PDB file of N, CA and C in Angstrom:
ATOM      1  N   UNK A   1      45.430 -30.248 -71.714  1.00  0.00           N
ATOM      2  CA  UNK A   1      46.024 -31.137 -72.693  1.00  0.00           C
ATOM      3  C   UNK A   1      44.903 -31.957 -73.318  1.00  0.00           C
ATOM      4  N   UNK A   2      44.858 -32.009 -74.629  1.00  0.00           N
ATOM      5  CA  UNK A   2      43.828 -32.815 -75.303  1.00  0.00           C
ATOM      6  C   UNK A   2      43.952 -34.293 -74.905  1.00  0.00           C
ATOM      7  N   UNK A   3      42.844 -34.997 -74.892  1.00  0.00           N
ATOM      8  CA  UNK A   3      42.817 -36.398 -74.464  1.00  0.00           C
ATOM      9  C   UNK A   3      43.777 -37.269 -75.265  1.00  0.00           C
ATOM     10  N   UNK A   4      43.874 -37.043 -76.583  1.00  0.00           N
ATOM     11  CA  UNK A   4      44.773 -37.870 -77.405  1.00  0.00           C
ATOM     12  C   UNK A   4      46.234 -37.657 -77.003  1.00  0.00           C
ATOM     13  N   UNK A   5      46.608 -36.407 -76.708  1.00  0.00           N
ATOM     14  CA  UNK A   5      47.977 -36.118 -76.277  1.00  0.00           C
ATOM     15  C   UNK A   5      48.238 -36.684 -74.881  1.00  0.00           C
ATOM     16  N   UNK A   6      47.227 -36.586 -74.016  1.00  0.00           N
ATOM     17  CA  UNK A   6      47.361 -37.124 -72.664  1.00  0.00           C
ATOM     18  C   UNK A   6      47.591 -38.634 -72.721  1.00  0.00           C
ATOM     19  N   UNK A   7      46.819 -39.324 -73.556  1.00  0.00           N
ATOM     20  CA  UNK A   7      46.968 -40.773 -73.681  1.00  0.00           C
ATOM     21  C   UNK A   7      48.350 -41.130 -74.220  1.00  0.00           C
ATOM     22  N   UNK A   8      48.809 -40.417 -75.247  1.00  0.00           N
ATOM     23  CA  UNK A   8      50.134 -40.680 -75.815  1.00  0.00           C
ATOM     24  C   UNK A   8      51.219 -40.451 -74.769  1.00  0.00           C
ATOM     25  N   UNK A   9      51.078 -39.391 -74.004  1.00  0.00           N
ATOM     26  CA  UNK A   9      52.051 -39.080 -72.943  1.00  0.00           C
ATOM     27  C   UNK A   9      52.073 -40.197 -71.904  1.00  0.00           C
ATOM     28  N   UNK A  10      50.897 -40.604 -71.427  1.00  0.00           N
ATOM     29  CA  UNK A  10      50.834 -41.656 -70.412  1.00  0.00           C
ATOM     30  C   UNK A  10      51.342 -42.986 -70.941  1.00  0.00           C
ATOM     31  N   UNK A  11      51.022 -43.308 -72.202  1.00  0.00           N
ATOM     32  CA  UNK A  11      51.518 -44.555 -72.789  1.00  0.00           C
ATOM     33  C   UNK A  11      53.036 -44.603 -72.773  1.00  0.00           C
ATOM     34  N   UNK A  12      53.662 -43.468 -73.015  1.00  0.00           N
ATOM     35  CA  UNK A  12      55.120 -43.422 -73.089  1.00  0.00           C
ATOM     36  C   UNK A  12      55.778 -43.303 -71.719  1.00  0.00           C
ATOM     37  N   UNK A  13      55.174 -42.519 -70.807  1.00  0.00           N
ATOM     38  CA  UNK A  13      55.871 -42.158 -69.569  1.00  0.00           C
ATOM     39  C   UNK A  13      55.281 -42.729 -68.287  1.00  0.00           C
ATOM     40  N   UNK A  14      54.149 -43.379 -68.338  1.00  0.00           N
ATOM     41  CA  UNK A  14      53.511 -43.860 -67.111  1.00  0.00           C
ATOM     42  C   UNK A  14      54.418 -44.821 -66.345  1.00  0.00           C
ATOM     43  N   UNK A  15      54.990 -45.786 -67.037  1.00  0.00           N
ATOM     44  CA  UNK A  15      55.808 -46.780 -66.347  1.00  0.00           C
ATOM     45  C   UNK A  15      57.041 -46.164 -65.684  1.00  0.00           C
ATOM     46  N   UNK A  16      57.817 -45.315 -66.387  1.00  0.00           N
ATOM     47  CA  UNK A  16      58.960 -44.700 -65.687  1.00  0.00           C
ATOM     48  C   UNK A  16      58.533 -43.860 -64.487  1.00  0.00           C
ATOM     49  N   UNK A  17      57.429 -43.154 -64.580  1.00  0.00           N
ATOM     50  CA  UNK A  17      56.995 -42.355 -63.439  1.00  0.00           C
ATOM     51  C   UNK A  17      56.492 -43.232 -62.306  1.00  0.00           C
ATOM     52  N   UNK A  18      55.960 -44.405 -62.613  1.00  0.00           N
ATOM     53  CA  UNK A  18      55.596 -45.338 -61.556  1.00  0.00           C
ATOM     54  C   UNK A  18      56.831 -45.788 -60.790  1.00  0.00           C
ATOM     55  N   UNK A  19      57.952 -45.885 -61.498  1.00  0.00           N
ATOM     56  CA  UNK A  19      59.206 -46.201 -60.815  1.00  0.00           C
ATOM     57  C   UNK A  19      59.536 -45.133 -59.784  1.00  0.00           C
ATOM     58  N   UNK A  20      59.218 -43.899 -60.117  1.00  0.00           N
ATOM     59  CA  UNK A  20      59.497 -42.796 -59.201  1.00  0.00           C
ATOM     60  C   UNK A  20      58.711 -42.947 -57.900  1.00  0.00           C
ATOM     61  N   UNK A  21      57.531 -43.502 -57.984  1.00  0.00           N
ATOM     62  CA  UNK A  21      56.721 -43.724 -56.784  1.00  0.00           C
ATOM     63  C   UNK A  21      57.363 -44.776 -55.893  1.00  0.00           C
ATOM     64  N   UNK A  22      58.173 -45.633 -56.476  1.00  0.00           N
ATOM     65  CA  UNK A  22      58.837 -46.702 -55.736  1.00  0.00           C
ATOM     66  C   UNK A  22      60.176 -46.251 -55.186  1.00  0.00           C
ATOM     67  N   UNK A  23      60.277 -45.026 -54.740  1.00  0.00           N
ATOM     68  CA  UNK A  23      61.452 -44.448 -54.095  1.00  0.00           C
ATOM     69  C   UNK A  23      62.586 -44.126 -55.050  1.00  0.00           C
ATOM     70  N   UNK A  24      62.341 -44.135 -56.338  1.00  0.00           N
ATOM     71  CA  UNK A  24      63.326 -43.672 -57.297  1.00  0.00           C
ATOM     72  C   UNK A  24      63.191 -42.160 -57.359  1.00  0.00           C
ATOM     73  N   UNK A  25      64.261 -41.426 -57.095  1.00  0.00           N
ATOM     74  CA  UNK A  25      64.148 -39.967 -57.129  1.00  0.00           C
ATOM     75  C   UNK A  25      63.658 -39.471 -58.491  1.00  0.00           C
ATOM     76  N   UNK A  26      62.818 -38.436 -58.470  1.00  0.00           N
ATOM     77  CA  UNK A  26      62.243 -37.900 -59.701  1.00  0.00           C
ATOM     78  C   UNK A  26      63.347 -37.501 -60.682  1.00  0.00           C
ATOM     79  N   UNK A  27      64.431 -36.931 -60.183  1.00  0.00           N
ATOM     80  CA  UNK A  27      65.530 -36.528 -61.066  1.00  0.00           C
ATOM     81  C   UNK A  27      66.087 -37.746 -61.813  1.00  0.00           C
ATOM     82  N   UNK A  28      66.185 -38.867 -61.132  1.00  0.00           N
ATOM     83  CA  UNK A  28      66.673 -40.092 -61.770  1.00  0.00           C
ATOM     84  C   UNK A  28      65.673 -40.613 -62.794  1.00  0.00           C
ATOM     85  N   UNK A  29      64.386 -40.577 -62.453  1.00  0.00           N
ATOM     86  CA  UNK A  29      63.354 -41.018 -63.393  1.00  0.00           C
ATOM     87  C   UNK A  29      63.387 -40.160 -64.652  1.00  0.00           C
ATOM     88  N   UNK A  30      63.539 -38.854 -64.475  1.00  0.00           N
ATOM     89  CA  UNK A  30      63.608 -37.959 -65.631  1.00  0.00           C
ATOM     90  C   UNK A  30      64.850 -38.244 -66.472  1.00  0.00           C
ATOM     91  N   UNK A  31      65.986 -38.554 -65.830  1.00  0.00           N
ATOM     92  CA  UNK A  31      67.209 -38.875 -66.566  1.00  0.00           C
ATOM     93  C   UNK A  31      67.031 -40.158 -67.370  1.00  0.00           C
ATOM     94  N   UNK A  32      66.318 -41.134 -66.805  1.00  0.00           N
ATOM     95  CA  UNK A  32      66.046 -42.384 -67.525  1.00  0.00           C
ATOM     96  C   UNK A  32      65.203 -42.104 -68.761  1.00  0.00           C
ATOM     97  N   UNK A  33      64.160 -41.313 -68.602  1.00  0.00           N
ATOM     98  CA  UNK A  33      63.293 -40.973 -69.734  1.00  0.00           C
ATOM     99  C   UNK A  33      64.078 -40.221 -70.800  1.00  0.00           C
ATOM    100  N   UNK A  34      64.873 -39.255 -70.396  1.00  0.00           N
ATOM    101  CA  UNK A  34      65.665 -38.480 -71.359  1.00  0.00           C
ATOM    102  C   UNK A  34      66.662 -39.370 -72.087  1.00  0.00           C
ATOM    103  N   UNK A  35      67.290 -40.293 -71.372  1.00  0.00           N
ATOM    104  CA  UNK A  35      68.232 -41.208 -72.006  1.00  0.00           C
ATOM    105  C   UNK A  35      67.569 -42.087 -73.046  1.00  0.00           C
ATOM    106  N   UNK A  36      66.372 -42.547 -72.736  1.00  0.00           N
ATOM    107  CA  UNK A  36      65.638 -43.363 -73.712  1.00  0.00           C
ATOM    108  C   UNK A  36      65.227 -42.511 -74.912  1.00  0.00           C
ATOM    109  N   UNK A  37      64.754 -41.297 -74.655  1.00  0.00           N
ATOM    110  CA  UNK A  37      64.341 -40.412 -75.748  1.00  0.00           C
ATOM    111  C   UNK A  37      65.504 -40.098 -76.688  1.00  0.00           C
ATOM    112  N   UNK A  38      66.719 -39.969 -76.158  1.00  0.00           N
ATOM    113  CA  UNK A  38      67.890 -39.644 -76.978  1.00  0.00           C
ATOM    114  C   UNK A  38      68.531 -40.882 -77.606  1.00  0.00           C
ATOM    115  N   UNK A  39      68.007 -42.058 -77.277  1.00  0.00           N
ATOM    116  CA  UNK A  39      68.571 -43.286 -77.833  1.00  0.00           C
ATOM    117  C   UNK A  39      69.835 -43.744 -77.125  1.00  0.00           C
ATOM    118  N   UNK A  40      70.106 -43.183 -75.948  1.00  0.00           N
ATOM    119  CA  UNK A  40      71.290 -43.561 -75.186  1.00  0.00           C
ATOM    120  C   UNK A  40      71.016 -44.703 -74.216  1.00  0.00           C
ATOM    121  N   UNK A  41      69.750 -45.040 -74.053  1.00  0.00           N
ATOM    122  CA  UNK A  41      69.344 -46.049 -73.084  1.00  0.00           C
ATOM    123  C   UNK A  41      68.234 -46.889 -73.688  1.00  0.00           C
ATOM    124  N   UNK A  42      68.312 -48.191 -73.468  1.00  0.00           N
ATOM    125  CA  UNK A  42      67.259 -49.089 -73.899  1.00  0.00           C
ATOM    126  C   UNK A  42      66.655 -49.727 -72.670  1.00  0.00           C
ATOM    127  N   UNK A  43      65.355 -49.610 -72.517  1.00  0.00           N
ATOM    128  CA  UNK A  43      64.663 -50.216 -71.382  1.00  0.00           C
ATOM    129  C   UNK A  43      64.110 -51.558 -71.844  1.00  0.00           C
ATOM    130  N   UNK A  44      64.570 -52.616 -71.184  1.00  0.00           N
ATOM    131  CA  UNK A  44      64.143 -53.967 -71.525  1.00  0.00           C
ATOM    132  C   UNK A  44      63.106 -54.415 -70.504  1.00  0.00           C
ATOM    133  N   UNK A  45      61.929 -54.736 -70.965  1.00  0.00           N
ATOM    134  CA  UNK A  45      60.853 -55.112 -70.061  1.00  0.00           C
ATOM    135  C   UNK A  45      60.850 -56.603 -69.741  1.00  0.00           C
ATOM    136  N   UNK A  46      61.409 -57.433 -70.601  1.00  0.00           N
ATOM    137  CA  UNK A  46      61.366 -58.885 -70.408  1.00  0.00           C
ATOM    138  C   UNK A  46      62.709 -59.466 -70.014  1.00  0.00           C
ATOM    139  N   UNK A  47      63.636 -58.630 -69.580  1.00  0.00           N
ATOM    140  CA  UNK A  47      64.972 -59.097 -69.244  1.00  0.00           C
ATOM    141  C   UNK A  47      64.934 -59.920 -67.962  1.00  0.00           C
ATOM    142  N   UNK A  48      65.524 -61.092 -68.025  1.00  0.00           N
ATOM    143  CA  UNK A  48      65.547 -61.983 -66.875  1.00  0.00           C
ATOM    144  C   UNK A  48      66.971 -62.128 -66.336  1.00  0.00           C
ATOM    145  N   UNK A  49      67.939 -62.278 -67.253  1.00  0.00           N
ATOM    146  CA  UNK A  49      69.327 -62.457 -66.826  1.00  0.00           C
ATOM    147  C   UNK A  49      70.262 -61.616 -67.679  1.00  0.00           C
ATOM    148  N   UNK A  50      71.410 -61.310 -67.096  1.00  0.00           N
ATOM    149  CA  UNK A  50      72.474 -60.609 -67.813  1.00  0.00           C
ATOM    150  C   UNK A  50      73.746 -61.408 -67.583  1.00  0.00           C
ATOM    151  N   UNK A  51      74.343 -61.864 -68.663  1.00  0.00           N
ATOM    152  CA  UNK A  51      75.600 -62.615 -68.605  1.00  0.00           C
ATOM    153  C   UNK A  51      76.671 -61.836 -69.346  1.00  0.00           C
ATOM    154  N   UNK A  52      77.914 -62.073 -68.965  1.00  0.00           N
ATOM    155  CA  UNK A  52      79.039 -61.434 -69.647  1.00  0.00           C
ATOM    156  C   UNK A  52      79.822 -62.500 -70.382  1.00  0.00           C
ATOM    157  N   UNK A  53      80.094 -62.263 -71.667  1.00  0.00           N
ATOM    158  CA  UNK A  53      80.876 -63.175 -72.497  1.00  0.00           C
ATOM    159  C   UNK A  53      82.296 -62.641 -72.579  1.00  0.00           C
ATOM    160  N   UNK A  54      83.236 -63.351 -71.945  1.00  0.00           N
ATOM    161  CA  UNK A  54      84.638 -62.907 -71.937  1.00  0.00           C
ATOM    162  C   UNK A  54      85.237 -62.859 -73.330  1.00  0.00           C
ATOM    163  N   UNK A  55      84.821 -63.777 -74.211  1.00  0.00           N
ATOM    164  CA  UNK A  55      85.389 -63.832 -75.554  1.00  0.00           C
ATOM    165  C   UNK A  55      84.991 -62.618 -76.391  1.00  0.00           C
ATOM    166  N   UNK A  56      83.715 -62.293 -76.385  1.00  0.00           N
ATOM    167  CA  UNK A  56      83.242 -61.172 -77.203  1.00  0.00           C
ATOM    168  C   UNK A  56      83.275 -59.851 -76.438  1.00  0.00           C
ATOM    169  N   UNK A  57      83.471 -59.952 -75.114  1.00  0.00           N
ATOM    170  CA  UNK A  57      83.448 -58.767 -74.225  1.00  0.00           C
ATOM    171  C   UNK A  57      82.117 -58.027 -74.328  1.00  0.00           C
ATOM    172  N   UNK A  58      81.048 -58.805 -74.378  1.00  0.00           N
ATOM    173  CA  UNK A  58      79.711 -58.248 -74.468  1.00  0.00           C
ATOM    174  C   UNK A  58      78.853 -58.768 -73.318  1.00  0.00           C
ATOM    175  N   UNK A  59      77.887 -57.941 -72.940  1.00  0.00           N
ATOM    176  CA  UNK A  59      76.853 -58.362 -72.004  1.00  0.00           C
ATOM    177  C   UNK A  59      75.701 -58.914 -72.840  1.00  0.00           C
ATOM    178  N   UNK A  60      75.148 -60.027 -72.397  1.00  0.00           N
ATOM    179  CA  UNK A  60      74.062 -60.673 -73.129  1.00  0.00           C
ATOM    180  C   UNK A  60      72.837 -60.688 -72.222  1.00  0.00           C
ATOM    181  N   UNK A  61      71.776 -60.025 -72.669  1.00  0.00           N
ATOM    182  CA  UNK A  61      70.525 -59.991 -71.927  1.00  0.00           C
ATOM    183  C   UNK A  61      69.586 -61.046 -72.507  1.00  0.00           C
ATOM    184  N   UNK A  62      68.998 -61.839 -71.606  1.00  0.00           N
ATOM    185  CA  UNK A  62      68.100 -62.914 -72.031  1.00  0.00           C
ATOM    186  C   UNK A  62      66.790 -62.828 -71.267  1.00  0.00           C
ATOM    187  N   UNK A  63      65.712 -63.329 -71.900  1.00  0.00           N
ATOM    188  CA  UNK A  63      64.414 -63.361 -71.229  1.00  0.00           C
ATOM    189  C   UNK A  63      64.289 -64.650 -70.421  1.00  0.00           C
ATOM    190  N   UNK A  64      63.123 -64.867 -69.825  1.00  0.00           N
ATOM    191  CA  UNK A  64      62.925 -66.034 -68.963  1.00  0.00           C
ATOM    192  C   UNK A  64      63.002 -67.354 -69.722  1.00  0.00           C
ATOM    193  N   UNK A  65      62.889 -67.327 -71.064  1.00  0.00           N
ATOM    194  CA  UNK A  65      63.020 -68.527 -71.890  1.00  0.00           C
ATOM    195  C   UNK A  65      64.443 -68.699 -72.404  1.00  0.00           C
ATOM    196  N   UNK A  66      65.368 -67.926 -71.838  1.00  0.00           N
ATOM    197  CA  UNK A  66      66.787 -67.936 -72.240  1.00  0.00           C
ATOM    198  C   UNK A  66      66.991 -67.515 -73.685  1.00  0.00           C
ATOM    199  N   UNK A  67      66.063 -66.724 -74.212  1.00  0.00           N
ATOM    200  CA  UNK A  67      66.205 -66.183 -75.561  1.00  0.00           C
ATOM    201  C   UNK A  67      66.946 -64.855 -75.466  1.00  0.00           C
ATOM    202  N   UNK A  68      67.918 -64.686 -76.332  1.00  0.00           N
ATOM    203  CA  UNK A  68      68.702 -63.458 -76.325  1.00  0.00           C
ATOM    204  C   UNK A  68      67.840 -62.267 -76.733  1.00  0.00           C
ATOM    205  N   UNK A  69      67.887 -61.216 -75.922  1.00  0.00           N
ATOM    206  CA  UNK A  69      67.141 -60.001 -76.216  1.00  0.00           C
ATOM    207  C   UNK A  69      68.059 -58.944 -76.810  1.00  0.00           C
ATOM    208  N   UNK A  70      69.254 -58.827 -76.234  1.00  0.00           N
ATOM    209  CA  UNK A  70      70.151 -57.742 -76.629  1.00  0.00           C
ATOM    210  C   UNK A  70      71.571 -58.088 -76.232  1.00  0.00           C
ATOM    211  N   UNK A  71      72.522 -57.604 -77.020  1.00  0.00           N
ATOM    212  CA  UNK A  71      73.941 -57.664 -76.677  1.00  0.00           C
ATOM    213  C   UNK A  71      74.472 -56.237 -76.600  1.00  0.00           C
ATOM    214  N   UNK A  72      75.335 -56.004 -75.650  1.00  0.00           N
ATOM    215  CA  UNK A  72      75.896 -54.658 -75.486  1.00  0.00           C
ATOM    216  C   UNK A  72      77.325 -54.758 -74.991  1.00  0.00           C
ATOM    217  N   UNK A  73      78.134 -53.802 -75.419  1.00  0.00           N
ATOM    218  CA  UNK A  73      79.529 -53.755 -74.971  1.00  0.00           C
ATOM    219  C   UNK A  73      79.614 -53.215 -73.569  1.00  0.00           C
TER     220      UNK A  73
END
């Protein structure tokens, strides 16, 4: 694999594969990567808390500064 392709691959997949080293089964790590690639999954790196809003019926993800990162049904 050319160095530029290797770097691009590692930039994208190194972190999920590191999760696999932490006792996450490889099949699960691959499913996470595939879900992100298909746009079915969003990986939040700065997520600190997840709250549920009964009124909007949404989950609200916030960072350590209590700033909203994402809302999801």
